[in-house]
Every structure is written in C-alpha cells, then in structure tokens.
C-alpha cells in the first residue's frame, strides 16, 4: 500500500485493485496511523454487490429494467461480470475481491465506508454514446470477445491486457484506447473528476483515507489541487451530479416525439381536409404495419407467444406515446422467462450463438430491441401510404 498524505484531511493510499491481496493488516495499520473518519474505496455499488455475491441487480431490478435504456445498463453489468469471471478462470486472479473485504475491516473499527467510483455502467455507456458508429462496432466486438467467445483462447486473450493494469475499469478503458483514444481519454478524465470530487466532499465532513489504484494517485492528486483552487476562487466546488447519468442525444429525444406528433398531425389534417373513411383507413394501415412489424421483431428475438401478441396489439398505441413498445414486450418476456443467476452462468458458458439467443437473460433484451427496431421500420413503410391519403 503506497500512502501519500495529500493534506490534513485527505490521505491517498494506492493499491493493486486487480491482482493485490492481503490488505486487511495494511489498512488496519493506516487507520491506526492516520485515524480517519471515512474509508473511501474506488468501487461503485454495483461492483461491490457483485463481489459480495448479492445479485440483486439480476433479481428485483431485472423485471423493471426493460424500460427504455435500462436493458443496456444490464448488458454492461453482465459484461463486467464476464470479464471478472474470465480473469478468475484464465489468469487465476480475483479482481477487486480483496478490496471489498476491506469493508469488513472498516465496519469492525466502526468507521464510515463510502464508494467513490462512478457507476461502471454509466462509465461504459458514456464512452459508447460518444463514439461514431464504426468505433461502436469495434467496442461491441470487444464486449463480445470478453463475454461470449466460444474459444477459451479468445476469452483468455480478451482479458490479457486488462491483467496488466492495477484497475479493472481502467484496464477496460485502456482497451478502448486502441480504437477510440479521444473518447477513452475523455471518459478516463470524467472518472478521475468523479472520484476526486467525492473524496473532496467527504473531506469536508472529516478525515478521509481513500484506497485507490496506484495508477490513480497522481491524477487524483492533480485534480484535488484544481478543486482546491476552484473553491478558493468561487467559494465552492461544482458538483458531480452531471457525471452520474448519460443524457440522450438531441436526435434521440426528437425521435421519441416524431411518431406521436406525425400521427396526430395526420389525423387533424384528414379530419379537416378529407373524409372520415380516410381516417379509419389510415388507422388500419398504421395498426397493421406498426403492429405487424413489431410482432415480427419479437418473433425474430425468439419471443414467447405472449410477447409477440403484446407487440402486435400494443405497438400501434405505444408508438403514439414516449415509451418504446419493444420494452413492454421485453418486460412481458422477462415475466414469462423469469431469468435467474443461473442464466448468467449459462451465458458465460455458451458454446454457440444459438445458446446465447436461447438464454433467458438475453431473450427479453433481444425481444425488446428487435421489436423496437422493426416498429420504426413499420413506421417508415407505412409513412408514404398515409401521406398519399387525402
């Protein structure tokens, strides 16, 4: 443990988050030496729960995760779990487990424990959202290699570079450097800013002992200096709430409103400038095109018959709201399949693409995505037909 006393209220202790071990005694010595009020660990809640064996994100959150966007967060979490499992299997190391064990030491000594790292799903999603389409495909291929390669050799290779680092998330971001260096650097800086601001905020409540990866001591110390100067200049330090979520791009927000606005505008136009029969004809075309394509999407996602029927009957109505119809079908699929922790284990052990698509954890996601995509295909197919009505 490399200890740097940054200030009277902040002590930075650098350790190896991937391959390190036996830190309990060193932590106890540092606590005895510095007498901190808070022990801050560079983990996020999700990673800690995974290390503790608490798979709550697979149980209760799963069925509610199929609202728009949440299924993507789930996939990122599955990716991190797969990466950790491959590090255990092929590199014989237990990444971050020894860090999670420090919570027990802090609890025993009656100290406050705080997690200061940015949510790993937000970190990865921020990187993905900022990339052009070609880089997104490269990132997706890396995810696939780490998670679902059918060759043990490929899975082992996918974590080889990560093993060289002292930080799991940092190791993943270093892989992104290979095909998107600017985006990787941006996300790294955001993560350093997030951890630094949390350390700085906790230091206002008492002395903080921050257990961070060794490679992060220098950048965090530099950022803490910037925050100190900012406080002297502005009287306060800006918050980190903007780093806790990833906003939607403008065009994505516009797409959510495009469908309902178009149909409402068309209905008003037909009401005033056409006859009632055309309004009913337009609705019939809309229903068949949108519902039909949505149900085909659910079918391609290997959905249950209930998911397919829900897609057909709800998509024409849900496409007029701000909720993607595919996520409703995905939710129904999740209710039917009721994925368990075993499904994650089966996913990691998949030996064919068919095994992946048949997995109870993946199937609700594929149903939701395919249904949403084909809903939009249906909208564009029926669009010229509706415009021709007058």
Protein backbone atom coordinates (compact mmCIF):
# COMPACT_ATOMS: atom_id res chain seq x y z
CA UNK A 1 0.00 0.00 0.00
CA UNK A 2 1.61 3.27 -1.18
CA UNK A 3 0.40 6.02 1.15
CA UNK A 4 0.53 9.73 0.29
CA UNK A 5 -0.68 12.27 2.84
CA UNK A 6 -2.17 14.79 0.42
CA UNK A 7 -3.47 17.11 3.15
CA UNK A 8 -4.52 17.06 6.79
CA UNK A 9 -7.94 15.74 5.75
CA UNK A 10 -7.10 13.56 2.73
CA UNK A 11 -4.81 10.51 2.64
CA UNK A 12 -4.40 8.69 -0.67
CA UNK A 13 -3.42 5.01 -0.44
CA UNK A 14 -2.54 3.31 -3.72
CA UNK A 15 -3.04 -0.45 -4.13
CA UNK A 16 -3.43 -3.03 -6.89
CA UNK A 17 -7.17 -3.45 -7.48
CA UNK A 18 -6.79 -6.44 -9.80
CA UNK A 19 -4.02 -8.68 -8.53
CA UNK A 20 -3.41 -7.43 -5.00
CA UNK A 21 -4.27 -9.30 -1.79
CA UNK A 22 -3.84 -9.37 1.99
CA UNK A 23 -4.58 -5.68 2.51
CA UNK A 24 -6.51 -6.00 5.76
CA UNK A 25 -3.46 -5.64 8.03
CA UNK A 26 -2.10 -2.73 5.97
CA UNK A 27 -5.46 -0.97 6.16
CA UNK A 28 -5.61 -1.51 9.92
CA UNK A 29 -2.10 -0.02 10.26
CA UNK A 30 -3.05 3.02 8.14
CA UNK A 31 -6.21 3.53 10.17
CA UNK A 32 -4.22 3.36 13.38
CA UNK A 33 -1.68 5.82 11.99
CA UNK A 34 -3.99 8.44 10.43
CA UNK A 35 -7.21 7.91 12.44
CA UNK A 36 -9.59 8.68 9.52
CA UNK A 37 -13.33 9.22 9.87
CA UNK A 38 -14.10 7.69 6.47
CA UNK A 39 -12.58 4.92 4.37
CA UNK A 40 -13.28 5.58 0.68
CA UNK A 41 -12.97 2.75 -1.84
CA UNK A 42 -12.72 3.12 -5.62
CA UNK A 43 -15.66 0.80 -6.23
CA UNK A 44 -19.25 1.50 -7.25
CA UNK A 45 -22.27 -0.03 -5.53
CA UNK A 46 -22.91 -2.50 -8.37
CA UNK A 47 -19.40 -3.90 -8.38
CA UNK A 48 -19.39 -4.22 -4.60
CA UNK A 49 -22.72 -6.09 -4.62
CA UNK A 50 -21.39 -8.45 -7.29
CA UNK A 51 -18.24 -9.11 -5.24
CA UNK A 52 -20.35 -9.72 -2.15
CA UNK A 53 -22.45 -12.23 -4.05
CA UNK A 54 -25.51 -10.01 -3.90
CA UNK A 55 -27.08 -10.44 -7.33
CA UNK A 56 -29.95 -8.04 -6.62
CA UNK A 57 -29.41 -6.38 -9.98
CA UNK A 58 -30.33 -9.74 -11.55
CA UNK A 59 -33.36 -10.35 -9.37
CA UNK A 60 -35.56 -7.40 -8.48
CA UNK A 61 -34.12 -4.78 -10.88
CA UNK A 62 -34.25 -7.12 -13.86
CA UNK A 63 -38.00 -7.07 -14.46
CA UNK A 64 -38.10 -3.29 -14.15
CA UNK A 65 -35.02 -2.75 -16.30
CA UNK A 66 -36.86 -3.08 -19.61
CA UNK A 67 -38.00 0.49 -19.60
CA UNK A 68 -36.11 2.42 -22.24
CA UNK A 69 -32.36 2.36 -21.83
CA UNK A 70 -32.12 0.22 -18.69
CA UNK A 71 -31.57 -3.02 -20.59
CA UNK A 72 -28.36 -1.54 -21.96
CA UNK A 73 -27.12 -0.91 -18.41
CA UNK A 74 -27.86 -4.55 -17.64
CA UNK A 75 -25.76 -5.68 -20.58
CA UNK A 76 -22.82 -3.55 -19.39
CA UNK A 77 -23.10 -5.09 -15.93
CA UNK A 78 -23.14 -8.61 -17.44
CA UNK A 79 -20.02 -7.65 -19.43
CA UNK A 80 -18.12 -6.60 -16.29
CA UNK A 81 -19.17 -9.81 -14.54
CA UNK A 82 -17.97 -11.85 -17.53
CA UNK A 83 -14.66 -10.01 -17.55
CA UNK A 84 -14.12 -10.72 -13.84
CA UNK A 85 -15.05 -14.37 -14.32
CA UNK A 86 -12.57 -14.73 -17.19
CA UNK A 87 -9.82 -13.12 -15.07
CA UNK A 88 -10.53 -15.72 -12.38
CA UNK A 89 -10.65 -18.62 -14.81
CA UNK A 90 -7.75 -17.85 -17.14
CA UNK A 91 -5.45 -15.59 -15.11
CA UNK A 92 -6.08 -17.15 -11.68
CA UNK A 93 -6.72 -13.80 -10.01
CA UNK A 94 -9.66 -12.45 -8.01
CA UNK A 95 -10.09 -8.85 -9.19
CA UNK A 96 -11.29 -6.41 -6.52
CA UNK A 97 -12.36 -9.15 -4.09
CA UNK A 98 -9.64 -8.16 -1.65
CA UNK A 99 -10.85 -4.55 -1.85
CA UNK A 100 -14.43 -5.49 -0.96
CA UNK A 101 -13.10 -7.35 2.08
CA UNK A 102 -11.78 -4.04 3.45
CA UNK A 103 -15.37 -3.00 4.17
CA UNK A 104 -15.47 -5.57 6.97
CA UNK A 105 -12.29 -4.11 8.49
CA UNK A 106 -13.71 -0.58 8.41
CA UNK A 107 -17.01 -1.79 9.87
CA UNK A 108 -15.19 -3.64 12.66
CA UNK A 109 -13.30 -0.44 13.54
CA UNK A 110 -16.60 1.49 13.45
CA UNK A 111 -15.60 3.71 10.52
CA UNK A 112 -17.79 5.11 7.78
CA UNK A 113 -17.28 3.37 4.40
CA UNK A 114 -18.00 5.14 1.11
CA UNK A 115 -17.79 4.00 -2.52
CA UNK A 116 -16.33 6.77 -4.64
CA UNK A 117 -16.08 5.27 -8.13
CA UNK A 118 -18.50 6.16 -10.89
CA UNK A 119 -21.15 3.56 -11.72
CA UNK A 120 -19.41 1.26 -14.18
CA UNK A 121 -22.45 1.08 -16.47
CA UNK A 122 -22.52 4.90 -16.71
CA UNK A 123 -18.78 4.97 -17.48
CA UNK A 124 -19.10 2.45 -20.31
CA UNK A 125 -22.31 3.95 -21.63
CA UNK A 126 -20.75 7.41 -21.74
CA UNK A 127 -17.92 6.02 -23.87
CA UNK A 128 -20.30 4.15 -26.20
CA UNK A 129 -22.63 7.14 -26.68
CA UNK A 130 -19.76 9.43 -27.67
CA UNK A 131 -18.33 7.13 -30.36
CA UNK A 132 -19.01 7.25 -34.10
CA UNK A 133 -20.74 4.18 -35.49
CA UNK A 134 -17.55 2.41 -36.67
CA UNK A 135 -15.97 2.68 -33.22
CA UNK A 136 -19.19 1.44 -31.62
CA UNK A 137 -18.94 -1.75 -33.67
CA UNK A 138 -15.34 -2.22 -32.53
CA UNK A 139 -16.33 -1.70 -28.90
CA UNK A 140 -19.24 -4.14 -29.29
CA UNK A 141 -16.85 -6.71 -30.76
CA UNK A 142 -14.54 -6.32 -27.78
CA UNK A 143 -17.51 -6.85 -25.44
CA UNK A 144 -18.47 -9.94 -27.39
CA UNK A 145 -14.92 -11.35 -27.21
CA UNK A 146 -14.75 -10.83 -23.44
CA UNK A 147 -18.23 -12.23 -22.80
CA UNK A 148 -19.32 -14.72 -25.38
CA UNK A 149 -16.40 -16.11 -27.40
CA UNK A 150 -16.78 -19.86 -27.82
CA UNK A 151 -13.00 -20.31 -27.78
CA UNK A 152 -11.19 -20.37 -24.42
CA UNK A 153 -8.13 -18.98 -26.22
CA UNK A 154 -10.06 -15.90 -27.38
CA UNK A 155 -11.59 -15.34 -23.95
CA UNK A 156 -8.17 -15.54 -22.34
CA UNK A 157 -6.75 -13.09 -24.88
CA UNK A 158 -9.58 -10.61 -24.29
CA UNK A 159 -8.50 -10.12 -20.66
CA UNK A 160 -4.73 -10.30 -21.18
CA UNK A 161 -4.34 -6.52 -21.48
CA UNK A 162 -6.68 -5.85 -18.58
CA UNK A 163 -4.49 -8.03 -16.34
CA UNK A 164 -1.54 -5.69 -16.90
CA UNK A 165 -3.34 -2.86 -15.10
CA UNK A 166 -3.99 -2.25 -11.42
CA UNK A 167 -7.59 -1.22 -12.05
CA UNK A 168 -10.39 -3.26 -13.67
CA UNK A 169 -12.36 -0.37 -15.20
CA UNK A 170 -9.13 1.42 -16.14
CA UNK A 171 -7.99 -1.75 -17.89
CA UNK A 172 -11.20 -1.85 -19.93
CA UNK A 173 -10.83 1.81 -20.88
CA UNK A 174 -7.23 1.16 -21.92
CA UNK A 175 -8.56 -1.35 -24.44
CA UNK A 176 -10.82 1.37 -25.84
CA UNK A 177 -7.67 3.45 -26.43
CA UNK A 178 -6.84 1.10 -29.31
CA UNK A 179 -9.79 2.18 -31.45
CA UNK A 180 -11.11 5.37 -29.84
CA UNK A 181 -8.31 7.15 -27.95
CA UNK A 182 -10.03 10.55 -27.65
CA UNK A 183 -13.23 9.09 -26.23
CA UNK A 184 -11.31 6.79 -23.89
CA UNK A 185 -9.32 9.77 -22.57
CA UNK A 186 -12.50 11.80 -22.08
CA UNK A 187 -14.16 9.04 -20.07
CA UNK A 188 -11.00 8.48 -18.01
CA UNK A 189 -10.93 12.19 -17.14
CA UNK A 190 -14.61 12.08 -16.15
CA UNK A 191 -13.93 9.15 -13.86
CA UNK A 192 -10.98 10.92 -12.18
CA UNK A 193 -13.13 14.03 -11.74
CA UNK A 194 -15.94 11.97 -10.18
CA UNK A 195 -13.67 10.20 -7.66
CA UNK A 196 -11.79 13.39 -6.80
CA UNK A 197 -14.96 15.37 -6.15
CA UNK A 198 -16.36 12.65 -3.89
CA UNK A 199 -13.10 12.48 -1.92
CA UNK A 200 -13.05 16.27 -1.62
CA UNK A 201 -16.70 16.36 -0.47
CA UNK A 202 -16.16 13.66 2.18
CA UNK A 203 -13.05 15.50 3.42
CA UNK A 204 -15.32 18.39 4.45
CA UNK A 205 -17.01 16.00 6.90
CA UNK A 206 -13.80 14.64 8.43
CA UNK A 207 -10.52 12.94 7.56
CA UNK A 208 -10.68 10.59 4.56
CA UNK A 209 -8.47 7.60 3.81
CA UNK A 210 -9.00 6.91 0.11
CA UNK A 211 -7.98 3.42 -1.09
CA UNK A 212 -7.47 3.88 -4.82
CA UNK A 213 -5.50 2.16 -7.62
CA UNK A 214 -1.82 3.16 -7.55
CA UNK A 215 -2.05 4.49 -11.10
CA UNK A 216 -4.73 6.98 -9.98
CA UNK A 217 -2.78 8.65 -7.15
CA UNK A 218 -1.10 11.27 -9.34
CA UNK A 219 -4.14 12.23 -11.50
CA UNK A 220 -6.43 12.37 -8.44
CA UNK A 221 -3.90 14.49 -6.51
CA UNK A 222 -3.70 16.84 -9.51
CA UNK A 223 -7.48 17.09 -9.71
CA UNK A 224 -7.71 17.73 -5.96
CA UNK A 225 -5.38 20.69 -6.43
CA UNK A 226 -7.69 22.04 -9.14
CA UNK A 227 -10.69 21.64 -6.85
CA UNK A 228 -8.87 23.43 -4.05
CA UNK A 229 -8.13 26.38 -6.34
CA UNK A 230 -11.72 26.34 -7.60
CA UNK A 231 -13.02 26.59 -4.04
CA UNK A 232 -10.65 29.46 -3.25
CA UNK A 233 -11.77 31.27 -6.41
CA UNK A 234 -15.50 30.50 -6.46
CA UNK A 235 -16.17 29.86 -2.80
CA UNK A 236 -17.35 26.31 -3.53
CA UNK A 237 -16.65 23.27 -5.69
CA UNK A 238 -19.01 22.32 -8.52
CA UNK A 239 -20.96 19.08 -8.01
CA UNK A 240 -20.69 15.73 -9.76
CA UNK A 241 -24.38 15.05 -10.48
CA UNK A 242 -23.77 15.58 -14.22
CA UNK A 243 -21.41 12.60 -14.16
CA UNK A 244 -23.94 10.18 -12.65
CA UNK A 245 -26.03 9.74 -15.78
CA UNK A 246 -25.71 9.89 -19.55
CA UNK A 247 -28.04 12.29 -21.32
CA UNK A 248 -29.76 11.38 -24.55
CA UNK A 249 -28.60 12.96 -27.77
CA UNK A 250 -30.94 15.53 -29.28
CA UNK A 251 -31.88 13.39 -32.26
CA UNK A 252 -32.84 10.50 -29.96
CA UNK A 253 -35.09 12.81 -27.95
CA UNK A 254 -36.68 14.07 -31.17
CA UNK A 255 -37.34 10.52 -32.39
CA UNK A 256 -39.41 9.83 -29.27
CA UNK A 257 -41.74 12.66 -30.23
CA UNK A 258 -41.71 12.12 -34.01
CA UNK A 259 -44.17 9.22 -34.13
CA UNK A 260 -46.99 10.68 -31.96
CA UNK A 261 -46.62 14.16 -33.49
CA UNK A 262 -46.81 12.77 -37.02
CA UNK A 263 -49.92 10.68 -36.44
CA UNK A 264 -51.74 13.42 -34.52
CA UNK A 265 -50.91 15.93 -37.26
CA UNK A 266 -52.09 13.48 -39.93
CA UNK A 267 -55.35 12.78 -38.05
CA UNK A 268 -56.08 16.52 -37.71
CA UNK A 269 -55.33 17.06 -41.40
CA UNK A 270 -57.58 14.18 -42.52
CA UNK A 271 -60.36 15.35 -40.19
CA UNK A 272 -60.47 18.84 -41.71
CA UNK A 273 -59.46 18.16 -45.30
CA UNK A 274 -60.63 14.63 -46.01
CA UNK A 275 -63.43 12.28 -45.00
CA UNK A 276 -63.96 10.01 -42.01
CA UNK A 277 -63.32 6.88 -44.09
CA UNK A 278 -59.75 8.01 -44.78
CA UNK A 279 -59.14 8.47 -41.06
CA UNK A 280 -60.21 4.87 -40.38
CA UNK A 281 -58.18 3.65 -43.37
CA UNK A 282 -55.11 5.47 -42.08
CA UNK A 283 -55.55 3.91 -38.64
CA UNK A 284 -55.94 0.42 -40.16
CA UNK A 285 -52.74 0.80 -42.21
CA UNK A 286 -50.95 2.17 -39.13
CA UNK A 287 -52.16 -0.70 -36.96
CA UNK A 288 -51.23 -3.45 -39.39
CA UNK A 289 -47.85 -2.01 -40.41
CA UNK A 290 -46.61 -1.00 -36.97
CA UNK A 291 -48.16 -3.90 -35.05
CA UNK A 292 -47.17 -6.41 -37.69
CA UNK A 293 -43.55 -5.34 -37.86
CA UNK A 294 -43.26 -5.11 -34.05
CA UNK A 295 -44.57 -8.66 -33.68
CA UNK A 296 -42.14 -9.89 -36.36
CA UNK A 297 -39.37 -8.26 -34.32
CA UNK A 298 -40.50 -10.10 -31.20
CA UNK A 299 -40.60 -13.32 -33.21
CA UNK A 300 -37.05 -12.77 -34.52
CA UNK A 301 -35.97 -12.21 -30.91
CA UNK A 302 -37.34 -15.69 -30.15
CA UNK A 303 -40.08 -14.24 -28.01
CA UNK A 304 -42.85 -16.16 -26.27
CA UNK A 305 -46.26 -16.08 -27.98
CA UNK A 306 -47.48 -13.63 -25.32
CA UNK A 307 -44.63 -11.22 -26.15
CA UNK A 308 -45.45 -11.48 -29.85
CA UNK A 309 -49.14 -10.77 -29.24
CA UNK A 310 -48.33 -7.86 -26.92
CA UNK A 311 -46.07 -6.41 -29.62
CA UNK A 312 -48.79 -6.70 -32.25
CA UNK A 313 -51.63 -5.18 -30.24
CA UNK A 314 -49.73 -2.57 -28.21
CA UNK A 315 -47.14 -1.26 -30.68
CA UNK A 316 -49.64 0.84 -32.70
CA UNK A 317 -50.76 2.53 -29.47
CA UNK A 318 -47.40 2.66 -27.67
CA UNK A 319 -45.75 4.20 -30.73
CA UNK A 320 -48.01 7.21 -30.09
CA UNK A 321 -46.52 7.59 -26.61
CA UNK A 322 -42.96 8.28 -25.44
CA UNK A 323 -42.40 4.65 -24.39
CA UNK A 324 -40.75 2.23 -26.82
CA UNK A 325 -43.23 -0.64 -27.48
CA UNK A 326 -40.38 -3.15 -27.58
CA UNK A 327 -39.57 -2.57 -23.92
CA UNK A 328 -43.11 -3.57 -22.95
CA UNK A 329 -42.70 -6.78 -24.95
CA UNK A 330 -39.30 -7.30 -23.30
CA UNK A 331 -40.88 -6.85 -19.89
CA UNK A 332 -43.53 -9.46 -20.72
CA UNK A 333 -40.79 -11.81 -21.95
CA UNK A 334 -38.91 -11.31 -18.68
CA UNK A 335 -42.06 -12.09 -16.71
CA UNK A 336 -42.55 -15.28 -18.69
CA UNK A 337 -38.90 -16.44 -18.67
CA UNK A 338 -38.08 -15.23 -15.12
CA UNK A 339 -34.27 -15.19 -15.61
CA UNK A 340 -32.15 -16.28 -12.66
CA UNK A 341 -28.49 -16.08 -11.66
CA UNK A 342 -28.05 -19.49 -13.28
CA UNK A 343 -28.87 -17.89 -16.63
CA UNK A 344 -25.86 -15.57 -16.27
CA UNK A 345 -23.65 -18.55 -15.52
CA UNK A 346 -25.08 -20.38 -18.54
CA UNK A 347 -24.46 -17.29 -20.67
CA UNK A 348 -20.76 -17.27 -19.80
CA UNK A 349 -20.53 -20.98 -20.69
CA UNK A 350 -22.33 -20.63 -24.04
CA UNK A 351 -20.75 -22.75 -26.76
CA UNK A 352 -22.76 -21.48 -29.73
CA UNK A 353 -24.64 -18.43 -30.92
CA UNK A 354 -27.85 -20.42 -30.56
CA UNK A 355 -27.10 -20.93 -26.85
CA UNK A 356 -26.77 -17.16 -26.44
CA UNK A 357 -30.04 -16.33 -28.20
CA UNK A 358 -31.86 -19.02 -26.21
CA UNK A 359 -30.65 -17.72 -22.85
CA UNK A 360 -33.43 -16.47 -20.57
CA UNK A 361 -31.41 -13.38 -19.66
CA UNK A 362 -30.65 -12.37 -23.25
CA UNK A 363 -34.02 -13.24 -24.79
CA UNK A 364 -36.02 -10.38 -23.18
CA UNK A 365 -33.35 -7.94 -24.36
CA UNK A 366 -33.37 -9.24 -27.94
CA UNK A 367 -37.18 -9.21 -27.97
CA UNK A 368 -37.20 -5.59 -26.80
CA UNK A 369 -34.53 -4.43 -29.24
CA UNK A 370 -35.87 -6.26 -32.32
CA UNK A 371 -39.43 -5.20 -31.59
CA UNK A 372 -38.39 -1.54 -31.23
CA UNK A 373 -36.27 -1.56 -34.38
CA UNK A 374 -38.94 -3.19 -36.54
CA UNK A 375 -41.58 -0.84 -35.12
CA UNK A 376 -39.62 2.01 -36.71
CA UNK A 377 -39.29 0.01 -39.92
CA UNK A 378 -43.09 -0.33 -39.94
CA UNK A 379 -43.47 3.41 -39.40
CA UNK A 380 -41.27 4.23 -42.39
CA UNK A 381 -43.01 1.63 -44.57
CA UNK A 382 -46.48 2.98 -43.85
CA UNK A 383 -45.42 6.64 -43.99
CA UNK A 384 -45.76 7.16 -47.80
CA UNK A 385 -49.11 5.34 -47.78
CA UNK A 386 -50.52 7.61 -45.09
CA UNK A 387 -49.22 10.75 -46.80
CA UNK A 388 -50.96 9.68 -50.02
CA UNK A 389 -54.35 9.68 -48.28
CA UNK A 390 -56.34 12.87 -48.86
